[in-house]
Amino acid sequence: MNLPATFRFYAGLNEHLPPSFRMRTLSVSLRGRVSIRQTTDSLGIPSDAIDLILVNGDPVDPAYAVQPGDRVSIYPKFETFDISILRRH
């Protein structure tokens, strides 16, 4: 029995998903060899918006072929703000 893979998109990446897919874990049935990039492209997530992909807690490349039962977590580009000039010393 093939287990579906699960995908979770975080923060601003949800803006690219249909409303019914936002802020929830998606179950994806696999048919053949499918990469994470193929899956994100089919969902309308721009590649340049993705900063980090974890599969079962380990970082992977977008070309990683998703396996049955994988837990895929996809994070947007992280932004940092320099607030040093605003700190009180």
PDB file of N, CA and C in Angstrom:
ATOM      1  N   MET A   1       0.838  -1.178   0.000  1.00  0.00           N
ATOM      2  CA  MET A   1       0.000   0.000   0.000  1.00  0.00           C
ATOM      3  C   MET A   1       0.887   1.246   0.000  1.00  0.00           C
ATOM      4  N   ASN A   2       0.666   2.153  -0.937  1.00  0.00           N
ATOM      5  CA  ASN A   2       1.425   3.400  -0.994  1.00  0.00           C
ATOM      6  C   ASN A   2       0.806   4.439  -0.078  1.00  0.00           C
ATOM      7  N   LEU A   3       1.602   4.944   0.828  1.00  0.00           N
ATOM      8  CA  LEU A   3       1.148   6.034   1.679  1.00  0.00           C
ATOM      9  C   LEU A   3       1.271   7.332   0.898  1.00  0.00           C
ATOM     10  N   PRO A   4       0.358   8.248   1.072  1.00  0.00           N
ATOM     11  CA  PRO A   4       0.530   9.542   0.409  1.00  0.00           C
ATOM     12  C   PRO A   4       1.648  10.322   1.102  1.00  0.00           C
ATOM     13  N   ALA A   5       2.249  11.211   0.376  1.00  0.00           N
ATOM     14  CA  ALA A   5       3.203  12.153   0.977  1.00  0.00           C
ATOM     15  C   ALA A   5       2.389  13.337   1.486  1.00  0.00           C
ATOM     16  N   THR A   6       2.911  14.019   2.490  1.00  0.00           N
ATOM     17  CA  THR A   6       2.226  15.208   2.979  1.00  0.00           C
ATOM     18  C   THR A   6       3.110  16.431   2.753  1.00  0.00           C
ATOM     19  N   PHE A   7       2.474  17.522   2.388  1.00  0.00           N
ATOM     20  CA  PHE A   7       3.151  18.793   2.146  1.00  0.00           C
ATOM     21  C   PHE A   7       2.552  19.833   3.063  1.00  0.00           C
ATOM     22  N   ARG A   8       3.426  20.679   3.639  1.00  0.00           N
ATOM     23  CA  ARG A   8       2.970  21.814   4.441  1.00  0.00           C
ATOM     24  C   ARG A   8       3.758  23.030   3.987  1.00  0.00           C
ATOM     25  N   PHE A   9       3.040  24.091   3.633  1.00  0.00           N
ATOM     26  CA  PHE A   9       3.642  25.348   3.200  1.00  0.00           C
ATOM     27  C   PHE A   9       3.482  26.358   4.317  1.00  0.00           C
ATOM     28  N   TYR A  10       4.526  27.141   4.563  1.00  0.00           N
ATOM     29  CA  TYR A  10       4.522  28.062   5.685  1.00  0.00           C
ATOM     30  C   TYR A  10       4.515  29.526   5.242  1.00  0.00           C
ATOM     31  N   ALA A  11       3.960  30.328   6.125  1.00  0.00           N
ATOM     32  CA  ALA A  11       3.935  31.794   6.000  1.00  0.00           C
ATOM     33  C   ALA A  11       3.424  32.239   4.634  1.00  0.00           C
ATOM     34  N   GLY A  12       4.148  33.152   3.986  1.00  0.00           N
ATOM     35  CA  GLY A  12       3.705  33.785   2.753  1.00  0.00           C
ATOM     36  C   GLY A  12       3.512  32.854   1.575  1.00  0.00           C
ATOM     37  N   LEU A  13       4.047  31.637   1.646  1.00  0.00           N
ATOM     38  CA  LEU A  13       3.845  30.698   0.532  1.00  0.00           C
ATOM     39  C   LEU A  13       2.369  30.345   0.381  1.00  0.00           C
ATOM     40  N   ASN A  14       1.613  30.453   1.463  1.00  0.00           N
ATOM     41  CA  ASN A  14       0.188  30.136   1.412  1.00  0.00           C
ATOM     42  C   ASN A  14      -0.583  31.077   0.496  1.00  0.00           C
ATOM     43  N   GLU A  15      -0.063  32.272   0.276  1.00  0.00           N
ATOM     44  CA  GLU A  15      -0.729  33.237  -0.592  1.00  0.00           C
ATOM     45  C   GLU A  15      -0.839  32.742  -2.038  1.00  0.00           C
ATOM     46  N   HIS A  16       0.026  31.823  -2.419  1.00  0.00           N
ATOM     47  CA  HIS A  16       0.037  31.288  -3.781  1.00  0.00           C
ATOM     48  C   HIS A  16      -0.901  30.087  -3.954  1.00  0.00           C
ATOM     49  N   LEU A  17      -1.406  29.581  -2.845  1.00  0.00           N
ATOM     50  CA  LEU A  17      -2.251  28.383  -2.894  1.00  0.00           C
ATOM     51  C   LEU A  17      -3.727  28.753  -2.980  1.00  0.00           C
ATOM     52  N   PRO A  18      -4.541  27.859  -3.533  1.00  0.00           N
ATOM     53  CA  PRO A  18      -5.987  28.083  -3.485  1.00  0.00           C
ATOM     54  C   PRO A  18      -6.437  28.176  -2.018  1.00  0.00           C
ATOM     55  N   PRO A  19      -7.453  28.957  -1.725  1.00  0.00           N
ATOM     56  CA  PRO A  19      -7.885  29.132  -0.330  1.00  0.00           C
ATOM     57  C   PRO A  19      -8.104  27.825   0.440  1.00  0.00           C
ATOM     58  N   SER A  20      -8.619  26.811  -0.204  1.00  0.00           N
ATOM     59  CA  SER A  20      -8.890  25.550   0.502  1.00  0.00           C
ATOM     60  C   SER A  20      -7.617  24.783   0.867  1.00  0.00           C
ATOM     61  N   PHE A  21      -6.468  25.161   0.303  1.00  0.00           N
ATOM     62  CA  PHE A  21      -5.190  24.495   0.587  1.00  0.00           C
ATOM     63  C   PHE A  21      -4.349  25.252   1.613  1.00  0.00           C
ATOM     64  N   ARG A  22      -4.735  26.452   1.962  1.00  0.00           N
ATOM     65  CA  ARG A  22      -3.905  27.311   2.809  1.00  0.00           C
ATOM     66  C   ARG A  22      -3.903  26.870   4.271  1.00  0.00           C
ATOM     67  N   MET A  23      -2.726  27.014   4.879  1.00  0.00           N
ATOM     68  CA  MET A  23      -2.541  26.806   6.317  1.00  0.00           C
ATOM     69  C   MET A  23      -2.972  25.409   6.781  1.00  0.00           C
ATOM     70  N   ARG A  24      -2.731  24.421   5.949  1.00  0.00           N
ATOM     71  CA  ARG A  24      -3.062  23.064   6.340  1.00  0.00           C
ATOM     72  C   ARG A  24      -2.088  22.085   5.690  1.00  0.00           C
ATOM     73  N   THR A  25      -2.057  20.890   6.202  1.00  0.00           N
ATOM     74  CA  THR A  25      -1.236  19.837   5.620  1.00  0.00           C
ATOM     75  C   THR A  25      -1.993  19.214   4.458  1.00  0.00           C
ATOM     76  N   LEU A  26      -1.309  19.128   3.315  1.00  0.00           N
ATOM     77  CA  LEU A  26      -1.914  18.562   2.107  1.00  0.00           C
ATOM     78  C   LEU A  26      -1.422  17.136   1.905  1.00  0.00           C
ATOM     79  N   SER A  27      -2.325  16.259   1.604  1.00  0.00           N
ATOM     80  CA  SER A  27      -1.987  14.880   1.316  1.00  0.00           C
ATOM     81  C   SER A  27      -1.901  14.725  -0.200  1.00  0.00           C
ATOM     82  N   VAL A  28      -0.763  14.217  -0.689  1.00  0.00           N
ATOM     83  CA  VAL A  28      -0.527  14.113  -2.127  1.00  0.00           C
ATOM     84  C   VAL A  28      -0.294  12.651  -2.492  1.00  0.00           C
ATOM     85  N   SER A  29      -1.153  12.124  -3.356  1.00  0.00           N
ATOM     86  CA  SER A  29      -0.957  10.763  -3.859  1.00  0.00           C
ATOM     87  C   SER A  29       0.075  10.810  -4.971  1.00  0.00           C
ATOM     88  N   LEU A  30       1.032   9.921  -4.903  1.00  0.00           N
ATOM     89  CA  LEU A  30       2.137   9.924  -5.860  1.00  0.00           C
ATOM     90  C   LEU A  30       1.853   8.970  -7.014  1.00  0.00           C
ATOM     91  N   ARG A  31       2.124   9.463  -8.203  1.00  0.00           N
ATOM     92  CA  ARG A  31       2.004   8.623  -9.407  1.00  0.00           C
ATOM     93  C   ARG A  31       3.329   8.722 -10.157  1.00  0.00           C
ATOM     94  N   GLY A  32       4.155   7.735  -9.955  1.00  0.00           N
ATOM     95  CA  GLY A  32       5.468   7.755 -10.598  1.00  0.00           C
ATOM     96  C   GLY A  32       6.436   8.648  -9.847  1.00  0.00           C
ATOM     97  N   ARG A  33       7.550   8.936 -10.514  1.00  0.00           N
ATOM     98  CA  ARG A  33       8.601   9.758  -9.918  1.00  0.00           C
ATOM     99  C   ARG A  33       8.214  11.232 -10.047  1.00  0.00           C
ATOM    100  N   VAL A  34       8.034  11.897  -8.903  1.00  0.00           N
ATOM    101  CA  VAL A  34       7.636  13.299  -8.881  1.00  0.00           C
ATOM    102  C   VAL A  34       8.580  14.047  -7.948  1.00  0.00           C
ATOM    103  N   SER A  35       9.170  15.132  -8.451  1.00  0.00           N
ATOM    104  CA  SER A  35      10.069  15.921  -7.616  1.00  0.00           C
ATOM    105  C   SER A  35       9.277  16.953  -6.819  1.00  0.00           C
ATOM    106  N   ILE A  36       9.913  17.487  -5.810  1.00  0.00           N
ATOM    107  CA  ILE A  36       9.285  18.562  -5.044  1.00  0.00           C
ATOM    108  C   ILE A  36       9.034  19.754  -5.959  1.00  0.00           C
ATOM    109  N   ARG A  37       9.987  20.081  -6.810  1.00  0.00           N
ATOM    110  CA  ARG A  37       9.815  21.215  -7.724  1.00  0.00           C
ATOM    111  C   ARG A  37       8.589  21.015  -8.630  1.00  0.00           C
ATOM    112  N   GLN A  38       8.403  19.814  -9.171  1.00  0.00           N
ATOM    113  CA  GLN A  38       7.231  19.551 -10.007  1.00  0.00           C
ATOM    114  C   GLN A  38       5.941  19.769  -9.218  1.00  0.00           C
ATOM    115  N   THR A  39       5.947  19.351  -7.964  1.00  0.00           N
ATOM    116  CA  THR A  39       4.758  19.508  -7.124  1.00  0.00           C
ATOM    117  C   THR A  39       4.495  20.980  -6.819  1.00  0.00           C
ATOM    118  N   THR A  40       5.538  21.718  -6.431  1.00  0.00           N
ATOM    119  CA  THR A  40       5.339  23.134  -6.114  1.00  0.00           C
ATOM    120  C   THR A  40       4.957  23.919  -7.361  1.00  0.00           C
ATOM    121  N   ASP A  41       5.557  23.598  -8.498  1.00  0.00           N
ATOM    122  CA  ASP A  41       5.187  24.258  -9.755  1.00  0.00           C
ATOM    123  C   ASP A  41       3.707  24.017 -10.083  1.00  0.00           C
ATOM    124  N   SER A  42       3.252  22.785  -9.897  1.00  0.00           N
ATOM    125  CA  SER A  42       1.856  22.463 -10.222  1.00  0.00           C
ATOM    126  C   SER A  42       0.879  23.183  -9.287  1.00  0.00           C
ATOM    127  N   LEU A  43       1.348  23.557  -8.106  1.00  0.00           N
ATOM    128  CA  LEU A  43       0.507  24.285  -7.152  1.00  0.00           C
ATOM    129  C   LEU A  43       0.620  25.801  -7.312  1.00  0.00           C
ATOM    130  N   GLY A  44       1.515  26.245  -8.208  1.00  0.00           N
ATOM    131  CA  GLY A  44       1.661  27.680  -8.454  1.00  0.00           C
ATOM    132  C   GLY A  44       2.581  28.400  -7.498  1.00  0.00           C
ATOM    133  N   ILE A  45       3.448  27.660  -6.803  1.00  0.00           N
ATOM    134  CA  ILE A  45       4.417  28.275  -5.888  1.00  0.00           C
ATOM    135  C   ILE A  45       5.658  28.650  -6.696  1.00  0.00           C
ATOM    136  N   PRO A  46       6.024  29.947  -6.762  1.00  0.00           N
ATOM    137  CA  PRO A  46       7.229  30.337  -7.507  1.00  0.00           C
ATOM    138  C   PRO A  46       8.499  29.777  -6.847  1.00  0.00           C
ATOM    139  N   SER A  47       9.373  29.211  -7.635  1.00  0.00           N
ATOM    140  CA  SER A  47      10.618  28.632  -7.109  1.00  0.00           C
ATOM    141  C   SER A  47      11.439  29.644  -6.330  1.00  0.00           C
ATOM    142  N   ASP A  48      11.447  30.901  -6.803  1.00  0.00           N
ATOM    143  CA  ASP A  48      12.277  31.906  -6.134  1.00  0.00           C
ATOM    144  C   ASP A  48      11.687  32.374  -4.803  1.00  0.00           C
ATOM    145  N   ALA A  49      10.478  31.923  -4.462  1.00  0.00           N
ATOM    146  CA  ALA A  49       9.879  32.278  -3.173  1.00  0.00           C
ATOM    147  C   ALA A  49      10.254  31.269  -2.085  1.00  0.00           C
ATOM    148  N   ILE A  50      10.826  30.137  -2.492  1.00  0.00           N
ATOM    149  CA  ILE A  50      11.161  29.060  -1.552  1.00  0.00           C
ATOM    150  C   ILE A  50      12.608  29.192  -1.099  1.00  0.00           C
ATOM    151  N   ASP A  51      12.790  29.084   0.233  1.00  0.00           N
ATOM    152  CA  ASP A  51      14.140  29.191   0.786  1.00  0.00           C
ATOM    153  C   ASP A  51      14.621  27.874   1.382  1.00  0.00           C
ATOM    154  N   LEU A  52      13.714  27.105   1.963  1.00  0.00           N
ATOM    155  CA  LEU A  52      14.120  25.894   2.681  1.00  0.00           C
ATOM    156  C   LEU A  52      13.078  24.804   2.475  1.00  0.00           C
ATOM    157  N   ILE A  53      13.576  23.599   2.166  1.00  0.00           N
ATOM    158  CA  ILE A  53      12.709  22.429   2.023  1.00  0.00           C
ATOM    159  C   ILE A  53      13.252  21.347   2.950  1.00  0.00           C
ATOM    160  N   LEU A  54      12.372  20.841   3.804  1.00  0.00           N
ATOM    161  CA  LEU A  54      12.731  19.734   4.686  1.00  0.00           C
ATOM    162  C   LEU A  54      11.858  18.538   4.341  1.00  0.00           C
ATOM    163  N   VAL A  55      12.483  17.369   4.272  1.00  0.00           N
ATOM    164  CA  VAL A  55      11.747  16.126   4.099  1.00  0.00           C
ATOM    165  C   VAL A  55      12.065  15.256   5.299  1.00  0.00           C
ATOM    166  N   ASN A  56      11.036  14.934   6.052  1.00  0.00           N
ATOM    167  CA  ASN A  56      11.204  14.154   7.283  1.00  0.00           C
ATOM    168  C   ASN A  56      12.243  14.801   8.200  1.00  0.00           C
ATOM    169  N   GLY A  57      12.288  16.137   8.184  1.00  0.00           N
ATOM    170  CA  GLY A  57      13.177  16.891   9.061  1.00  0.00           C
ATOM    171  C   GLY A  57      14.560  17.172   8.506  1.00  0.00           C
ATOM    172  N   ASP A  58      14.880  16.646   7.339  1.00  0.00           N
ATOM    173  CA  ASP A  58      16.208  16.848   6.747  1.00  0.00           C
ATOM    174  C   ASP A  58      16.112  17.766   5.529  1.00  0.00           C
ATOM    175  N   PRO A  59      17.077  18.688   5.362  1.00  0.00           N
ATOM    176  CA  PRO A  59      17.055  19.578   4.197  1.00  0.00           C
ATOM    177  C   PRO A  59      17.314  18.799   2.909  1.00  0.00           C
ATOM    178  N   VAL A  60      16.583  19.169   1.855  1.00  0.00           N
ATOM    179  CA  VAL A  60      16.744  18.526   0.546  1.00  0.00           C
ATOM    180  C   VAL A  60      16.707  19.577  -0.547  1.00  0.00           C
ATOM    181  N   ASP A  61      17.110  19.176  -1.726  1.00  0.00           N
ATOM    182  CA  ASP A  61      17.083  19.987  -2.935  1.00  0.00           C
ATOM    183  C   ASP A  61      15.689  19.885  -3.563  1.00  0.00           C
ATOM    184  N   PRO A  62      15.247  20.914  -4.307  1.00  0.00           N
ATOM    185  CA  PRO A  62      13.941  20.846  -4.976  1.00  0.00           C
ATOM    186  C   PRO A  62      13.808  19.679  -5.957  1.00  0.00           C
ATOM    187  N   ALA A  63      14.922  19.131  -6.430  1.00  0.00           N
ATOM    188  CA  ALA A  63      14.878  18.001  -7.361  1.00  0.00           C
ATOM    189  C   ALA A  63      14.627  16.669  -6.655  1.00  0.00           C
ATOM    190  N   TYR A  64      14.590  16.678  -5.329  1.00  0.00           N
ATOM    191  CA  TYR A  64      14.354  15.453  -4.560  1.00  0.00           C
ATOM    192  C   TYR A  64      13.070  14.771  -5.036  1.00  0.00           C
ATOM    193  N   ALA A  65      13.137  13.467  -5.286  1.00  0.00           N
ATOM    194  CA  ALA A  65      11.965  12.686  -5.703  1.00  0.00           C
ATOM    195  C   ALA A  65      11.196  12.273  -4.444  1.00  0.00           C
ATOM    196  N   VAL A  66       9.983  12.738  -4.360  1.00  0.00           N
ATOM    197  CA  VAL A  66       9.144  12.477  -3.189  1.00  0.00           C
ATOM    198  C   VAL A  66       8.828  10.990  -3.099  1.00  0.00           C
ATOM    199  N   GLN A  67       8.942  10.459  -1.882  1.00  0.00           N
ATOM    200  CA  GLN A  67       8.684   9.045  -1.625  1.00  0.00           C
ATOM    201  C   GLN A  67       7.380   8.891  -0.841  1.00  0.00           C
ATOM    202  N   PRO A  68       6.703   7.761  -0.993  1.00  0.00           N
ATOM    203  CA  PRO A  68       5.491   7.539  -0.205  1.00  0.00           C
ATOM    204  C   PRO A  68       5.776   7.688   1.292  1.00  0.00           C
ATOM    205  N   GLY A  69       4.907   8.410   1.981  1.00  0.00           N
ATOM    206  CA  GLY A  69       5.056   8.614   3.422  1.00  0.00           C
ATOM    207  C   GLY A  69       5.930   9.784   3.816  1.00  0.00           C
ATOM    208  N   ASP A  70       6.590  10.441   2.857  1.00  0.00           N
ATOM    209  CA  ASP A  70       7.427  11.604   3.190  1.00  0.00           C
ATOM    210  C   ASP A  70       6.582  12.730   3.785  1.00  0.00           C
ATOM    211  N   ARG A  71       7.177  13.442   4.736  1.00  0.00           N
ATOM    212  CA  ARG A  71       6.585  14.664   5.279  1.00  0.00           C
ATOM    213  C   ARG A  71       7.426  15.818   4.758  1.00  0.00           C
ATOM    214  N   VAL A  72       6.863  16.632   3.873  1.00  0.00           N
ATOM    215  CA  VAL A  72       7.585  17.716   3.212  1.00  0.00           C
ATOM    216  C   VAL A  72       7.129  19.052   3.813  1.00  0.00           C
ATOM    217  N   SER A  73       8.095  19.819   4.316  1.00  0.00           N
ATOM    218  CA  SER A  73       7.821  21.150   4.868  1.00  0.00           C
ATOM    219  C   SER A  73       8.559  22.166   4.009  1.00  0.00           C
ATOM    220  N   ILE A  74       7.830  23.186   3.544  1.00  0.00           N
ATOM    221  CA  ILE A  74       8.422  24.153   2.631  1.00  0.00           C
ATOM    222  C   ILE A  74       8.272  25.552   3.210  1.00  0.00           C
ATOM    223  N   TYR A  75       9.404  26.243   3.332  1.00  0.00           N
ATOM    224  CA  TYR A  75       9.456  27.555   3.971  1.00  0.00           C
ATOM    225  C   TYR A  75       9.823  28.643   2.960  1.00  0.00           C
ATOM    226  N   PRO A  76       9.277  29.837   3.164  1.00  0.00           N
ATOM    227  CA  PRO A  76       9.575  30.950   2.248  1.00  0.00           C
ATOM    228  C   PRO A  76      10.948  31.540   2.546  1.00  0.00           C
ATOM    229  N   LYS A  77      11.354  32.461   1.686  1.00  0.00           N
ATOM    230  CA  LYS A  77      12.596  33.205   1.926  1.00  0.00           C
ATOM    231  C   LYS A  77      12.470  33.891   3.278  1.00  0.00           C
ATOM    232  N   PHE A  78      13.501  33.747   4.088  1.00  0.00           N
ATOM    233  CA  PHE A  78      13.522  34.389   5.384  1.00  0.00           C
ATOM    234  C   PHE A  78      14.089  35.785   5.230  1.00  0.00           C
ATOM    235  N   GLU A  79      13.498  36.719   5.905  1.00  0.00           N
ATOM    236  CA  GLU A  79      13.994  38.084   5.850  1.00  0.00           C
ATOM    237  C   GLU A  79      14.506  38.474   7.225  1.00  0.00           C
ATOM    238  N   THR A  80      15.558  39.255   7.223  1.00  0.00           N
ATOM    239  CA  THR A  80      16.081  39.769   8.485  1.00  0.00           C
ATOM    240  C   THR A  80      16.060  41.282   8.429  1.00  0.00           C
ATOM    241  N   PHE A  81      15.918  41.854   9.574  1.00  0.00           N
ATOM    242  CA  PHE A  81      15.901  43.303   9.682  1.00  0.00           C
ATOM    243  C   PHE A  81      16.991  43.718  10.650  1.00  0.00           C
ATOM    244  N   ASP A  82      17.778  44.682  10.260  1.00  0.00           N
ATOM    245  CA  ASP A  82      18.813  45.215  11.137  1.00  0.00           C
ATOM    246  C   ASP A  82      18.167  46.288  12.004  1.00  0.00           C
ATOM    247  N   ILE A  83      17.972  45.958  13.279  1.00  0.00           N
ATOM    248  CA  ILE A  83      17.360  46.919  14.198  1.00  0.00           C
ATOM    249  C   ILE A  83      18.359  47.491  15.185  1.00  0.00           C
ATOM    250  N   SER A  84      19.640  47.288  14.907  1.00  0.00           N
ATOM    251  CA  SER A  84      20.661  47.733  15.851  1.00  0.00           C
ATOM    252  C   SER A  84      20.587  49.236  16.119  1.00  0.00           C
ATOM    253  N   ILE A  85      20.219  50.029  15.121  1.00  0.00           N
ATOM    254  CA  ILE A  85      20.151  51.480  15.350  1.00  0.00           C
ATOM    255  C   ILE A  85      18.935  51.858  16.200  1.00  0.00           C
ATOM    256  N   LEU A  86      17.998  50.944  16.361  1.00  0.00           N
ATOM    257  CA  LEU A  86      16.805  51.222  17.155  1.00  0.00           C
ATOM    258  C   LEU A  86      16.934  50.772  18.606  1.00  0.00           C
ATOM    259  N   ARG A  87      17.920  49.971  18.911  1.00  0.00           N
ATOM    260  CA  ARG A  87      18.099  49.459  20.277  1.00  0.00           C
ATOM    261  C   ARG A  87      18.563  50.561  21.214  1.00  0.00           C
ATOM    262  N   ARG A  88      18.050  50.508  22.420  1.00  0.00           N
ATOM    263  CA  ARG A  88      18.544  51.411  23.466  1.00  0.00           C
ATOM    264  C   ARG A  88      19.704  50.740  24.158  1.00  0.00           C
ATOM    265  N   HIS A  89      20.766  51.461  24.313  1.00  0.00           N
ATOM    266  CA  HIS A  89      21.968  50.876  24.934  1.00  0.00           C
ATOM    267  C   HIS A  89      22.036  51.205  26.391  1.00  0.00           C
TER     268      HIS A  89
END
